[in-house]
Amino acid sequence: MKKFFITLMVISIGSFVPAFADTISYDKTDFAEISTMIDDAAYDIRYYSANNFTGKRIDGYKAPRAYMTKEALKALSIAAEDLRKQGYRLLIWDSYRPQKAVDNFVEWINNPKDKGDKSFYPKLKKSDLLKGQYIMEKSGHTRGSTVDLTLIKKDGSFVDMGGTFDLFSEISHPDYKKISRAQKKNRKILHNAMIKAGFVGIDSEWWHFTLKDEPYKDTYFDFDVE
């Protein structure tokens, strides 16, 4: 039986008012590890390490593993096969993300004493990350059908995308103009394969894709990555 809980958001007027309700689930039944369907993917799970904007491992990441809903993973395997034929493999930075991890991001933003790793937001104030919606209190990753990824060559060598993961800058916008022709081409190769497989991107991050017909549009999961 699926375990679901309803969480109510508090409006800051001193009373408990349900601004909106989200379903929170701890059920892993419809999830699978990416490696079970894509055996040649590589992994650099940033939130398991300190190599992220907070400078610390993030809550809920107890192992460097990557999960997605089974439906999203099937679609990702189609993209992986398409890219494999072009001489590429996938490098996964993040996929399913527990709600507690997102809460950890927000706690970090609200702690003025903890600057984290400034190299990820070189031209922004830390407080701008939440205001500018670079980091949100509710993430599509937590619904289980979103993935952050890039390309590597079959031998594992680097593919230059003109910017790195979680760089909070206009450089990360998929249509950023001030990168080389080769970098633009590499971004397009990844984008085209993901769109063809049924994913959609976003305007602010070239590496971020969500299954267009995701199975849990209103459910946020909170089981640990372990």
Protein backbone atom coordinates (compact mmCIF):
# COMPACT_ATOMS: atom_id res chain seq x y z
CA MET A 1 0.00 0.00 0.00
CA LYS A 2 1.38 3.42 -0.93
CA LYS A 3 2.23 5.74 1.95
CA PHE A 4 0.97 9.25 1.30
CA PHE A 5 0.94 12.30 3.52
CA ILE A 6 -0.47 15.76 2.90
CA THR A 7 1.66 18.73 3.88
CA LEU A 8 0.12 22.18 4.34
CA MET A 9 2.04 25.35 3.62
CA VAL A 10 1.94 28.12 6.22
CA ILE A 11 1.10 31.68 5.22
CA SER A 12 3.06 34.20 7.25
CA ILE A 13 0.10 35.95 8.90
CA GLY A 14 0.32 34.08 12.17
CA SER A 15 -2.27 31.45 11.30
CA PHE A 16 -2.16 27.99 9.78
CA VAL A 17 -3.80 28.37 6.37
CA PRO A 18 -3.52 25.77 3.60
CA ALA A 19 -2.12 27.87 0.74
CA PHE A 20 -1.82 24.67 -1.26
CA ALA A 21 -1.48 21.00 -0.50
CA ASP A 22 1.06 18.55 -1.91
CA THR A 23 1.12 14.79 -1.67
CA ILE A 24 4.31 13.51 -0.02
CA SER A 25 5.16 9.85 -0.56
CA TYR A 26 7.85 7.48 0.71
CA ASP A 27 6.94 4.66 -1.66
CA LYS A 28 9.76 3.45 -3.96
CA THR A 29 7.64 0.92 -5.86
CA ASP A 30 7.58 2.76 -9.17
CA PHE A 31 11.27 3.75 -9.10
CA ALA A 32 14.34 2.00 -10.46
CA GLU A 33 18.05 2.71 -10.46
CA ILE A 34 19.29 4.14 -13.78
CA SER A 35 22.00 1.46 -14.03
CA THR A 36 19.34 -1.27 -14.30
CA MET A 37 18.42 -0.07 -17.80
CA ILE A 38 21.46 1.93 -18.95
CA ASP A 39 24.56 -0.07 -18.21
CA ASP A 40 27.10 2.31 -19.76
CA ALA A 41 26.06 5.53 -17.97
CA ALA A 42 28.63 7.28 -15.79
CA TYR A 43 27.86 9.07 -12.53
CA ASP A 44 29.04 12.13 -10.65
CA ILE A 45 26.30 12.50 -8.05
CA ARG A 46 27.11 16.01 -6.87
CA TYR A 47 24.79 16.17 -3.88
CA TYR A 48 26.39 13.07 -2.39
CA SER A 49 29.68 14.98 -2.36
CA ALA A 50 30.79 18.44 -1.23
CA ASN A 51 31.23 19.50 -4.87
CA ASN A 52 28.05 21.58 -5.00
CA PHE A 53 26.94 25.12 -4.19
CA THR A 54 26.52 24.41 -0.44
CA GLY A 55 30.01 22.90 -0.11
CA LYS A 56 28.56 19.96 1.84
CA ARG A 57 26.83 16.65 1.25
CA ILE A 58 23.07 17.16 1.03
CA ASP A 59 20.47 15.56 3.31
CA GLY A 60 18.91 12.40 1.88
CA TYR A 61 21.91 11.39 -0.25
CA LYS A 62 23.30 8.35 1.56
CA ALA A 63 24.91 6.76 -1.51
CA PRO A 64 26.12 7.97 -4.93
CA ARG A 65 23.21 6.35 -6.75
CA ALA A 66 20.61 7.61 -9.22
CA TYR A 67 16.92 6.67 -9.34
CA MET A 68 14.01 7.66 -11.58
CA THR A 69 10.43 6.59 -12.08
CA LYS A 70 10.36 3.50 -14.28
CA GLU A 71 8.44 5.38 -16.95
CA ALA A 72 11.01 8.17 -17.12
CA LEU A 73 13.85 5.66 -17.09
CA LYS A 74 12.41 3.86 -20.11
CA ALA A 75 12.38 7.16 -21.98
CA LEU A 76 15.92 7.95 -20.84
CA SER A 77 17.10 4.60 -22.15
CA ILE A 78 15.75 5.58 -25.58
CA ALA A 79 17.77 8.80 -25.47
CA ALA A 80 20.84 6.86 -24.31
CA GLU A 81 20.55 4.48 -27.29
CA ASP A 82 20.17 7.38 -29.71
CA LEU A 83 23.27 9.06 -28.28
CA ARG A 84 25.19 5.80 -28.17
CA LYS A 85 24.79 5.51 -31.94
CA GLN A 86 26.34 8.98 -32.22
CA GLY A 87 29.35 7.98 -30.12
CA TYR A 88 28.27 9.27 -26.72
CA ARG A 89 27.40 8.05 -23.22
CA LEU A 90 25.41 9.74 -20.47
CA LEU A 91 26.97 11.29 -17.39
CA ILE A 92 24.37 11.68 -14.62
CA TRP A 93 24.70 14.49 -12.07
CA ASP A 94 21.33 14.11 -10.37
CA SER A 95 17.94 12.50 -10.93
CA TYR A 96 15.40 11.72 -8.18
CA ARG A 97 15.96 14.15 -5.31
CA PRO A 98 14.33 13.68 -1.86
CA GLN A 99 12.19 16.53 -0.53
CA LYS A 100 14.48 16.70 2.51
CA ALA A 101 17.32 17.59 0.12
CA VAL A 102 15.33 20.51 -1.31
CA ASP A 103 14.53 21.60 2.25
CA ASN A 104 18.28 21.46 2.95
CA PHE A 105 18.90 23.84 0.01
CA VAL A 106 16.39 26.33 1.39
CA GLU A 107 17.86 26.10 4.90
CA TRP A 108 21.30 26.83 3.45
CA ILE A 109 20.00 29.88 1.56
CA ASN A 110 18.40 31.19 4.75
CA ASN A 111 21.63 30.84 6.74
CA PRO A 112 23.59 34.06 6.06
CA LYS A 113 26.71 32.74 7.79
CA ASP A 114 27.15 29.80 5.40
CA LYS A 115 28.44 31.03 2.04
CA GLY A 116 28.90 27.55 0.59
CA ASP A 117 30.91 27.44 -2.64
CA LYS A 118 30.74 30.88 -4.25
CA SER A 119 32.14 29.56 -7.55
CA PHE A 120 28.65 28.21 -8.34
CA TYR A 121 27.06 31.68 -8.04
CA PRO A 122 29.95 34.07 -8.83
CA LYS A 123 27.88 37.11 -9.84
CA LEU A 124 24.87 36.67 -7.54
CA LYS A 125 24.11 37.22 -3.91
CA LYS A 126 23.21 34.03 -2.10
CA SER A 127 19.75 35.43 -1.31
CA ASP A 128 19.13 35.90 -5.05
CA LEU A 129 19.20 32.13 -5.62
CA LEU A 130 15.74 31.63 -4.14
CA LYS A 131 14.28 34.93 -5.31
CA GLY A 132 15.45 34.30 -8.85
CA GLN A 133 14.06 30.76 -8.76
CA TYR A 134 17.42 29.13 -9.37
CA ILE A 135 16.52 27.08 -6.31
CA MET A 136 12.86 26.43 -5.53
CA GLU A 137 11.08 25.12 -2.46
CA LYS A 138 9.43 22.47 -4.66
CA SER A 139 11.53 20.73 -7.30
CA GLY A 140 10.51 18.60 -10.26
CA HIS A 141 13.37 16.28 -9.31
CA THR A 142 11.40 15.27 -6.23
CA ARG A 143 8.58 13.95 -8.45
CA GLY A 144 11.06 11.41 -9.81
CA SER A 145 10.99 12.03 -13.57
CA THR A 146 13.64 14.73 -13.91
CA VAL A 147 17.33 14.24 -14.63
CA ASP A 148 20.42 16.46 -14.74
CA LEU A 149 22.95 15.09 -17.19
CA THR A 150 25.57 15.73 -19.82
CA LEU A 151 27.44 13.86 -22.55
CA ILE A 152 30.77 12.09 -22.43
CA LYS A 153 32.45 10.21 -25.25
CA LYS A 154 32.42 6.42 -25.26
CA ASP A 155 35.95 6.37 -23.85
CA GLY A 156 34.79 8.56 -20.96
CA SER A 157 36.43 11.75 -22.17
CA PHE A 158 34.95 15.20 -21.68
CA VAL A 159 32.42 16.81 -24.04
CA ASP A 160 32.60 20.61 -23.81
CA MET A 161 29.19 22.16 -23.15
CA GLY A 162 30.45 25.66 -22.45
CA GLY A 163 29.55 25.60 -18.77
CA THR A 164 29.29 23.28 -15.81
CA PHE A 165 26.48 21.81 -13.73
CA ASP A 166 24.67 24.10 -11.28
CA LEU A 167 26.46 27.23 -12.44
CA PHE A 168 23.87 29.88 -11.55
CA SER A 169 24.50 32.18 -14.49
CA GLU A 170 23.12 33.06 -17.90
CA ILE A 171 25.93 30.91 -19.30
CA SER A 172 23.79 27.94 -18.26
CA HIS A 173 20.84 29.01 -20.39
CA PRO A 174 20.44 26.52 -23.26
CA ASP A 175 20.33 29.33 -25.83
CA TYR A 176 23.27 31.33 -24.46
CA LYS A 177 25.03 32.92 -27.44
CA LYS A 178 28.52 33.65 -26.15
CA ILE A 179 29.88 30.12 -26.40
CA SER A 180 31.70 28.48 -29.28
CA ARG A 181 30.04 26.84 -32.26
CA ALA A 182 31.27 23.44 -31.08
CA GLN A 183 29.80 24.00 -27.59
CA LYS A 184 26.46 25.02 -29.09
CA LYS A 185 26.51 21.90 -31.26
CA ASN A 186 27.18 19.67 -28.24
CA ARG A 187 24.28 21.19 -26.31
CA LYS A 188 22.03 20.66 -29.31
CA ILE A 189 23.00 16.99 -29.62
CA LEU A 190 21.97 16.36 -26.01
CA HIS A 191 18.83 18.49 -26.27
CA ASN A 192 17.60 16.87 -29.48
CA ALA A 193 18.04 13.33 -28.14
CA MET A 194 16.19 14.12 -24.92
CA ILE A 195 13.31 15.92 -26.66
CA LYS A 196 12.97 13.10 -29.17
CA ALA A 197 12.72 10.60 -26.28
CA GLY A 198 9.85 12.53 -24.66
CA PHE A 199 11.54 14.98 -22.29
CA VAL A 200 11.24 18.75 -22.04
CA GLY A 201 13.94 21.19 -20.98
CA ILE A 202 13.88 24.49 -19.12
CA ASP A 203 15.13 27.98 -20.03
CA SER A 204 17.74 28.29 -17.29
CA GLU A 205 19.70 24.99 -17.32
CA TRP A 206 20.95 23.18 -20.43
CA TRP A 207 21.44 19.95 -18.42
CA HIS A 208 17.91 19.69 -16.92
CA PHE A 209 15.15 17.57 -18.49
CA THR A 210 11.75 16.32 -17.27
CA LEU A 211 9.60 13.62 -18.83
CA LYS A 212 6.80 15.51 -20.59
CA ASP A 213 4.13 13.06 -19.46
CA GLU A 214 5.53 12.44 -16.00
CA PRO A 215 3.51 9.93 -13.95
CA TYR A 216 3.53 11.85 -10.63
CA LYS A 217 2.72 15.46 -11.45
CA ASP A 218 1.42 16.29 -7.97
CA THR A 219 3.43 13.89 -5.79
CA TYR A 220 6.73 14.72 -4.09
CA PHE A 221 8.82 11.82 -2.78
CA ASP A 222 11.02 11.80 0.29
CA PHE A 223 12.74 8.42 0.54
CA ASP A 224 16.55 8.50 0.85
CA VAL A 225 18.94 7.84 -2.00
CA GLU A 226 20.78 4.81 -0.65
